[in-house]
Amino acid sequence: MDVGKNTAENFYHAFVLGLLVGLRDTYYVNSNRESGFGRYDIMLEPKEKNGNSFIFEFKVLEDDREKTLEDTIENAKKQIEERKYEEDLQMRGFTNITKIVFAFRGKEAKMQVI
């Protein structure tokens, strides 16, 4: 799922994934796996059960649906919640889950932690 259509979202996804693999001693670094009702972009699952988990979602502004990067951020947050990406972690006993959304348009980027 990490390769295929040559899109800006795939580029950002692969770039951040490449940065995160350096954490593999303390985290399981998962990409595009099913959880809840969809596929998250990246998940960091701590090898220690009491550690912090992270879910990352990347979105590129879609001109036909969004006017600002803030709109894109809101759509990414909505996707994480509606598709229940944290469900798999919760079922396995993880409680410290941080969700991070990224919105991009060309060289502009915004990020929000939820």
Protein backbone atom coordinates (compact mmCIF):
# COMPACT_ATOMS: atom_id res chain seq x y z
CA MET A 1 0.00 0.00 0.00
CA ASP A 2 2.99 2.34 0.41
CA VAL A 3 3.76 2.47 -3.29
CA GLY A 4 1.54 2.92 -6.29
CA LYS A 5 0.09 6.16 -7.54
CA ASN A 6 2.71 8.88 -7.57
CA THR A 7 1.02 11.39 -5.30
CA ALA A 8 2.27 14.09 -2.99
CA GLU A 9 0.68 12.27 -0.06
CA ASN A 10 2.74 9.15 -0.81
CA PHE A 11 5.88 11.27 -0.91
CA TYR A 12 5.25 12.83 2.52
CA HIS A 13 4.22 9.46 3.93
CA ALA A 14 7.41 7.77 2.71
CA PHE A 15 9.59 10.65 3.88
CA VAL A 16 8.22 10.58 7.45
CA LEU A 17 8.23 6.78 7.52
CA GLY A 18 11.92 6.85 6.60
CA LEU A 19 12.60 9.18 9.52
CA LEU A 20 10.66 7.02 11.95
CA VAL A 21 12.28 3.67 11.20
CA GLY A 22 15.18 4.80 13.36
CA LEU A 23 12.86 4.25 16.35
CA ARG A 24 12.50 0.52 15.69
CA ASP A 25 14.43 -0.41 18.86
CA THR A 26 11.64 1.00 21.02
CA TYR A 27 8.65 0.97 18.65
CA TYR A 28 7.04 -1.29 16.10
CA VAL A 29 6.76 0.98 13.06
CA ASN A 30 3.70 0.01 11.02
CA SER A 31 2.49 1.52 7.76
CA ASN A 32 -0.88 1.27 6.02
CA ARG A 33 -2.25 -1.56 8.09
CA GLU A 34 -5.92 -2.13 8.77
CA SER A 35 -7.35 -0.92 12.05
CA GLY A 36 -10.94 -0.09 12.87
CA PHE A 37 -12.73 0.65 9.60
CA GLY A 38 -9.79 1.65 7.45
CA ARG A 39 -6.02 1.89 7.04
CA TYR A 40 -3.99 4.37 9.02
CA ASP A 41 -0.95 5.94 7.38
CA ILE A 42 1.65 5.24 10.08
CA MET A 43 1.41 3.83 13.59
CA LEU A 44 4.12 3.68 16.22
CA GLU A 45 3.36 0.94 18.72
CA PRO A 46 5.61 0.95 21.79
CA LYS A 47 7.35 -2.27 22.67
CA GLU A 48 6.62 -1.40 26.33
CA LYS A 49 2.87 -1.67 27.08
CA ASN A 50 2.85 1.51 29.18
CA GLY A 51 4.58 3.58 26.48
CA ASN A 52 3.00 6.18 24.21
CA SER A 53 1.47 5.08 20.91
CA PHE A 54 1.22 7.36 17.89
CA ILE A 55 -1.07 7.40 14.86
CA PHE A 56 -0.09 9.60 11.90
CA GLU A 57 -2.42 10.71 9.13
CA PHE A 58 -1.23 12.65 6.04
CA LYS A 59 -3.49 14.68 3.78
CA VAL A 60 -2.79 16.86 0.78
CA LEU A 61 -5.23 19.74 0.31
CA GLU A 62 -7.87 18.84 -2.28
CA ASP A 63 -8.89 22.01 -4.13
CA ASP A 64 -12.38 20.73 -4.88
CA ARG A 65 -13.18 19.99 -1.19
CA GLU A 66 -10.95 22.22 0.92
CA LYS A 67 -10.01 25.89 0.84
CA THR A 68 -7.33 25.99 3.56
CA LEU A 69 -4.83 23.70 5.25
CA GLU A 70 -6.99 24.02 8.37
CA ASP A 71 -9.85 22.41 6.41
CA THR A 72 -7.50 19.59 5.44
CA ILE A 73 -6.44 19.16 9.08
CA GLU A 74 -10.10 18.90 10.10
CA ASN A 75 -10.77 16.27 7.43
CA ALA A 76 -7.76 14.23 8.57
CA LYS A 77 -8.94 14.39 12.20
CA LYS A 78 -12.44 13.36 11.13
CA GLN A 79 -11.02 10.41 9.19
CA ILE A 80 -9.03 9.14 12.19
CA GLU A 81 -12.07 9.34 14.46
CA GLU A 82 -14.69 7.99 12.05
CA ARG A 83 -12.54 5.06 10.95
CA LYS A 84 -11.47 4.34 14.56
CA TYR A 85 -7.80 3.85 13.79
CA GLU A 86 -6.99 3.60 17.52
CA GLU A 87 -9.31 0.61 18.00
CA ASP A 88 -6.62 -2.05 17.44
CA LEU A 89 -4.31 -0.43 20.01
CA GLN A 90 -7.11 -0.08 22.54
CA MET A 91 -8.15 -3.72 22.15
CA ARG A 92 -4.59 -4.73 23.01
CA GLY A 93 -4.50 -2.59 26.16
CA PHE A 94 -2.73 0.58 25.00
CA THR A 95 -4.18 3.70 26.61
CA ASN A 96 -1.65 6.47 25.83
CA ILE A 97 -2.49 7.15 22.18
CA THR A 98 -1.47 10.38 20.45
CA LYS A 99 -2.91 11.18 17.03
CA ILE A 100 -0.98 13.49 14.72
CA VAL A 101 -2.34 14.90 11.48
CA PHE A 102 -0.37 16.59 8.72
CA ALA A 103 -1.78 18.76 5.94
CA PHE A 104 0.22 19.75 2.86
CA ARG A 105 -0.16 22.03 -0.13
CA GLY A 106 2.95 22.45 -2.22
CA LYS A 107 5.68 23.68 0.13
CA GLU A 108 3.19 24.61 2.85
CA ALA A 109 2.60 22.22 5.73
CA LYS A 110 0.66 22.24 8.96
CA MET A 111 0.55 19.69 11.73
CA GLN A 112 -1.76 19.22 14.69
CA VAL A 113 -1.66 16.85 17.64
CA ILE A 114 -5.03 15.54 18.81
